[in-house]
C-alpha cells in the first residue's frame, strides 16, 4: 500500500473514510459539546438567546467535534490501537493525513450548511461560504496534526 499507483482512486476514498471512522469520536463529541456549550453561554450573555446564537454555538461544536475526531484519526498507528486491518488503516491514515483530513472537512461543510439553513435566515450562498471556511479550517488543523505527528515518529 505504499505506492499510490497501486491503489485506485475509489480505494483511496474508501481508505480515507475508513481511517476517519477510527477517530476518537466519543471524546470528540465531549469536546464539541463543551465548546458549543461555552459558546452558547457567552453568546447568550452578550446577545441574548436566539436562533442565530444557537446556530453559532452549533457551528463551533461541530467544528471542534470534527477537528478532535479527525486529528485522532490521522495520528495513525499508536500502541494498543486495534488489530489487523485497523492497524493497516491507521498506518495508511498516518501516511496520508491530508486525504483523511478531507473527510471531516467535507462533513463539516455539509453539516454547517444544514444548521445555518435550518436555524437562520441566511441565504444558501452565505451559509455555504461560512461552511467552506470552517471546513477549510478543519482540514488545515487535521492535516497539520497528521503531517507533523508523522515527522516526529
C-alpha atoms as a PDB file:
ATOM      1  CA  UNK A   1       0.000   0.000   0.000  1.00  0.00           C
ATOM      2  CA  UNK A   2       2.973   2.309  -0.087  1.00  0.00           C
ATOM      3  CA  UNK A   3       2.574   3.362  -3.715  1.00  0.00           C
ATOM      4  CA  UNK A   4      -0.430   5.447  -4.785  1.00  0.00           C
ATOM      5  CA  UNK A   5      -0.277   3.939  -8.294  1.00  0.00           C
ATOM      6  CA  UNK A   6      -1.182   0.534  -6.824  1.00  0.00           C
ATOM      7  CA  UNK A   7      -4.409   1.839  -5.305  1.00  0.00           C
ATOM      8  CA  UNK A   8      -7.343   3.105  -7.349  1.00  0.00           C
ATOM      9  CA  UNK A   9      -8.960   6.474  -6.625  1.00  0.00           C
ATOM     10  CA  UNK A  10     -12.083   4.724  -5.347  1.00  0.00           C
ATOM     11  CA  UNK A  11      -9.991   2.606  -2.976  1.00  0.00           C
ATOM     12  CA  UNK A  12      -8.153   5.707  -1.697  1.00  0.00           C
ATOM     13  CA  UNK A  13     -11.527   7.335  -0.956  1.00  0.00           C
ATOM     14  CA  UNK A  14     -12.672   4.217   0.907  1.00  0.00           C
ATOM     15  CA  UNK A  15      -9.438   4.140   2.904  1.00  0.00           C
ATOM     16  CA  UNK A  16      -9.798   7.824   3.807  1.00  0.00           C
ATOM     17  CA  UNK A  17     -13.351   7.289   5.049  1.00  0.00           C
ATOM     18  CA  UNK A  18     -12.369   4.108   6.904  1.00  0.00           C
ATOM     19  CA  UNK A  19      -9.458   5.956   8.506  1.00  0.00           C
ATOM     20  CA  UNK A  20     -11.696   8.813   9.591  1.00  0.00           C
ATOM     21  CA  UNK A  21     -14.081   6.388  11.290  1.00  0.00           C
ATOM     22  CA  UNK A  22     -11.262   5.219  13.570  1.00  0.00           C
ATOM     23  CA  UNK A  23     -11.021   8.605  15.288  1.00  0.00           C
ATOM     24  CA  UNK A  24     -11.861   9.130  18.967  1.00  0.00           C
ATOM     25  CA  UNK A  25     -15.426  10.225  18.235  1.00  0.00           C
ATOM     26  CA  UNK A  26     -16.746   9.927  21.806  1.00  0.00           C
ATOM     27  CA  UNK A  27     -14.027  12.241  23.079  1.00  0.00           C
ATOM     28  CA  UNK A  28     -14.675  14.498  20.087  1.00  0.00           C
ATOM     29  CA  UNK A  29     -18.369  14.661  20.997  1.00  0.00           C
ATOM     30  CA  UNK A  30     -17.476  15.650  24.560  1.00  0.00           C
ATOM     31  CA  UNK A  31     -15.106  18.390  23.389  1.00  0.00           C
ATOM     32  CA  UNK A  32     -17.647  19.631  20.841  1.00  0.00           C
ATOM     33  CA  UNK A  33     -20.435  19.698  23.422  1.00  0.00           C
ATOM     34  CA  UNK A  34     -18.252  21.569  25.889  1.00  0.00           C
ATOM     35  CA  UNK A  35     -17.097  24.108  23.304  1.00  0.00           C
ATOM     36  CA  UNK A  36     -20.610  24.566  21.947  1.00  0.00           C
ATOM     37  CA  UNK A  37     -21.997  24.983  25.460  1.00  0.00           C
ATOM     38  CA  UNK A  38     -19.434  27.648  26.340  1.00  0.00           C
ATOM     39  CA  UNK A  39     -20.104  29.450  23.059  1.00  0.00           C
ATOM     40  CA  UNK A  40     -23.854  29.317  23.686  1.00  0.00           C
ATOM     41  CA  UNK A  41     -23.427  30.671  27.225  1.00  0.00           C
ATOM     42  CA  UNK A  42     -21.177  33.514  26.086  1.00  0.00           C
ATOM     43  CA  UNK A  43     -23.434  34.311  23.144  1.00  0.00           C
ATOM     44  CA  UNK A  44     -26.490  34.362  25.377  1.00  0.00           C
ATOM     45  CA  UNK A  45     -24.783  36.711  27.828  1.00  0.00           C
ATOM     46  CA  UNK A  46     -23.733  39.047  25.020  1.00  0.00           C
ATOM     47  CA  UNK A  47     -26.666  38.911  22.611  1.00  0.00           C
ATOM     48  CA  UNK A  48     -29.478  37.127  24.403  1.00  0.00           C
ATOM     49  CA  UNK A  49     -30.932  33.806  23.365  1.00  0.00           C
ATOM     50  CA  UNK A  50     -31.916  33.380  19.746  1.00  0.00           C
ATOM     51  CA  UNK A  51     -31.597  31.075  16.774  1.00  0.00           C
ATOM     52  CA  UNK A  52     -28.546  32.937  15.488  1.00  0.00           C
ATOM     53  CA  UNK A  53     -26.710  32.395  18.769  1.00  0.00           C
ATOM     54  CA  UNK A  54     -27.773  28.740  18.772  1.00  0.00           C
ATOM     55  CA  UNK A  55     -26.605  28.290  15.179  1.00  0.00           C
ATOM     56  CA  UNK A  56     -23.235  29.845  16.021  1.00  0.00           C
ATOM     57  CA  UNK A  57     -22.806  27.588  19.037  1.00  0.00           C
ATOM     58  CA  UNK A  58     -23.696  24.518  16.963  1.00  0.00           C
ATOM     59  CA  UNK A  59     -21.144  25.563  14.327  1.00  0.00           C
ATOM     60  CA  UNK A  60     -18.425  25.802  16.985  1.00  0.00           C
ATOM     61  CA  UNK A  61     -19.485  22.447  18.459  1.00  0.00           C
ATOM     62  CA  UNK A  62     -19.380  20.778  15.035  1.00  0.00           C
ATOM     63  CA  UNK A  63     -16.012  22.324  14.206  1.00  0.00           C
ATOM     64  CA  UNK A  64     -14.466  21.074  17.466  1.00  0.00           C
ATOM     65  CA  UNK A  65     -16.093  17.662  17.013  1.00  0.00           C
ATOM     66  CA  UNK A  66     -14.646  17.194  13.529  1.00  0.00           C
ATOM     67  CA  UNK A  67     -11.236  18.612  14.496  1.00  0.00           C
ATOM     68  CA  UNK A  68     -10.744  16.342  17.505  1.00  0.00           C
ATOM     69  CA  UNK A  69     -12.141  13.241  15.792  1.00  0.00           C
ATOM     70  CA  UNK A  70     -10.202  13.861  12.595  1.00  0.00           C
ATOM     71  CA  UNK A  71      -6.963  14.652  14.428  1.00  0.00           C
ATOM     72  CA  UNK A  72      -7.275  11.411  16.378  1.00  0.00           C
ATOM     73  CA  UNK A  73      -7.842   9.523  13.136  1.00  0.00           C
ATOM     74  CA  UNK A  74      -4.709  10.886  11.423  1.00  0.00           C
ATOM     75  CA  UNK A  75      -2.479  10.202  14.395  1.00  0.00           C
ATOM     76  CA  UNK A  76      -2.409   6.692  12.991  1.00  0.00           C
ATOM     77  CA  UNK A  77      -0.808   3.611  14.478  1.00  0.00           C
ATOM     78  CA  UNK A  78      -0.433   4.045  18.221  1.00  0.00           C
ATOM     79  CA  UNK A  79       0.278   1.383  20.846  1.00  0.00           C
ATOM     80  CA  UNK A  80      -2.758  -0.694  21.707  1.00  0.00           C
ATOM     81  CA  UNK A  81      -4.847   0.747  18.862  1.00  0.00           C
ATOM     82  CA  UNK A  82      -6.813  -2.005  17.169  1.00  0.00           C
ATOM     83  CA  UNK A  83      -5.561  -5.112  15.439  1.00  0.00           C
ATOM     84  CA  UNK A  84      -5.178  -6.478  11.939  1.00  0.00           C
ATOM     85  CA  UNK A  85      -6.977  -4.363   9.373  1.00  0.00           C
ATOM     86  CA  UNK A  86      -7.377  -1.488  11.844  1.00  0.00           C
ATOM     87  CA  UNK A  87      -3.595  -1.221  12.173  1.00  0.00           C
ATOM     88  CA  UNK A  88      -3.124  -1.153   8.404  1.00  0.00           C
ATOM     89  CA  UNK A  89      -5.815   1.506   8.042  1.00  0.00           C
ATOM     90  CA  UNK A  90      -4.239   3.564  10.841  1.00  0.00           C
ATOM     91  CA  UNK A  91      -0.810   3.326   9.194  1.00  0.00           C
ATOM     92  CA  UNK A  92      -2.343   4.416   5.889  1.00  0.00           C
ATOM     93  CA  UNK A  93      -4.012   7.354   7.662  1.00  0.00           C
ATOM     94  CA  UNK A  94      -0.721   8.375   9.263  1.00  0.00           C
ATOM     95  CA  UNK A  95       0.943   8.290   5.850  1.00  0.00           C
ATOM     96  CA  UNK A  96      -1.872  10.234   4.112  1.00  0.00           C
ATOM     97  CA  UNK A  97      -3.090  12.851   6.615  1.00  0.00           C
ATOM     98  CA  UNK A  98      -4.440  15.284   4.017  1.00  0.00           C
ATOM     99  CA  UNK A  99      -6.635  12.657   2.375  1.00  0.00           C
ATOM    100  CA  UNK A 100      -8.067  11.675   5.741  1.00  0.00           C
ATOM    101  CA  UNK A 101      -8.492  15.343   6.747  1.00  0.00           C
ATOM    102  CA  UNK A 102     -10.718  15.910   3.706  1.00  0.00           C
ATOM    103  CA  UNK A 103     -13.391  13.606   5.172  1.00  0.00           C
ATOM    104  CA  UNK A 104     -14.158  15.540   8.387  1.00  0.00           C
ATOM    105  CA  UNK A 105     -13.676  18.783   6.444  1.00  0.00           C
ATOM    106  CA  UNK A 106     -16.341  17.827   3.911  1.00  0.00           C
ATOM    107  CA  UNK A 107     -18.664  16.657   6.671  1.00  0.00           C
ATOM    108  CA  UNK A 108     -18.129  19.978   8.454  1.00  0.00           C
ATOM    109  CA  UNK A 109     -19.188  21.912   5.352  1.00  0.00           C
ATOM    110  CA  UNK A 110     -22.293  19.785   4.825  1.00  0.00           C
ATOM    111  CA  UNK A 111     -23.495  19.846   8.430  1.00  0.00           C
ATOM    112  CA  UNK A 112     -22.774  23.542   8.929  1.00  0.00           C
ATOM    113  CA  UNK A 113     -24.754  24.493   5.818  1.00  0.00           C
ATOM    114  CA  UNK A 114     -27.693  22.428   7.078  1.00  0.00           C
ATOM    115  CA  UNK A 115     -27.513  24.041  10.537  1.00  0.00           C
ATOM    116  CA  UNK A 116     -27.300  27.554   9.089  1.00  0.00           C
ATOM    117  CA  UNK A 117     -30.150  26.954   6.667  1.00  0.00           C
ATOM    118  CA  UNK A 118     -32.361  25.392   9.331  1.00  0.00           C
ATOM    119  CA  UNK A 119     -31.788  27.930  12.103  1.00  0.00           C
ATOM    120  CA  UNK A 120     -31.054  31.254  10.427  1.00  0.00           C
ATOM    121  CA  UNK A 121     -32.459  33.414   7.673  1.00  0.00           C
ATOM    122  CA  UNK A 122     -29.165  33.375   5.773  1.00  0.00           C
ATOM    123  CA  UNK A 123     -29.106  32.657   2.094  1.00  0.00           C
ATOM    124  CA  UNK A 124     -27.668  29.453   0.719  1.00  0.00           C
ATOM    125  CA  UNK A 125     -24.509  31.105  -0.603  1.00  0.00           C
ATOM    126  CA  UNK A 126     -23.792  32.853   2.706  1.00  0.00           C
ATOM    127  CA  UNK A 127     -24.223  29.583   4.575  1.00  0.00           C
ATOM    128  CA  UNK A 128     -22.075  27.766   2.043  1.00  0.00           C
ATOM    129  CA  UNK A 129     -19.326  30.393   2.272  1.00  0.00           C
ATOM    130  CA  UNK A 130     -19.188  30.124   6.076  1.00  0.00           C
ATOM    131  CA  UNK A 131     -19.295  26.332   5.893  1.00  0.00           C
ATOM    132  CA  UNK A 132     -16.419  26.285   3.409  1.00  0.00           C
ATOM    133  CA  UNK A 133     -14.265  28.437   5.690  1.00  0.00           C
ATOM    134  CA  UNK A 134     -14.965  26.205   8.679  1.00  0.00           C
ATOM    135  CA  UNK A 135     -14.366  23.090   6.571  1.00  0.00           C
ATOM    136  CA  UNK A 136     -11.043  24.510   5.377  1.00  0.00           C
ATOM    137  CA  UNK A 137     -10.092  25.208   8.981  1.00  0.00           C
ATOM    138  CA  UNK A 138     -10.912  21.615   9.957  1.00  0.00           C
ATOM    139  CA  UNK A 139      -8.900  20.242   7.014  1.00  0.00           C
ATOM    140  CA  UNK A 140      -5.971  22.507   7.877  1.00  0.00           C
ATOM    141  CA  UNK A 141      -5.838  21.578  11.556  1.00  0.00           C
ATOM    142  CA  UNK A 142      -6.368  17.847  10.996  1.00  0.00           C
ATOM    143  CA  UNK A 143      -3.901  17.732   8.100  1.00  0.00           C
ATOM    144  CA  UNK A 144      -1.223  19.627  10.029  1.00  0.00           C
ATOM    145  CA  UNK A 145      -1.661  17.425  13.102  1.00  0.00           C
ATOM    146  CA  UNK A 146      -1.168  14.349  10.927  1.00  0.00           C
ATOM    147  CA  UNK A 147       1.714  15.846   8.990  1.00  0.00           C
ATOM    148  CA  UNK A 148       3.732  16.990  11.981  1.00  0.00           C
ATOM    149  CA  UNK A 149       2.996  13.967  14.155  1.00  0.00           C
ATOM    150  CA  UNK A 150       4.323  11.777  11.341  1.00  0.00           C
ATOM    151  CA  UNK A 151       7.594  13.744  11.210  1.00  0.00           C
ATOM    152  CA  UNK A 152       8.220  13.198  14.921  1.00  0.00           C
ATOM    153  CA  UNK A 153       7.597   9.457  14.727  1.00  0.00           C
END
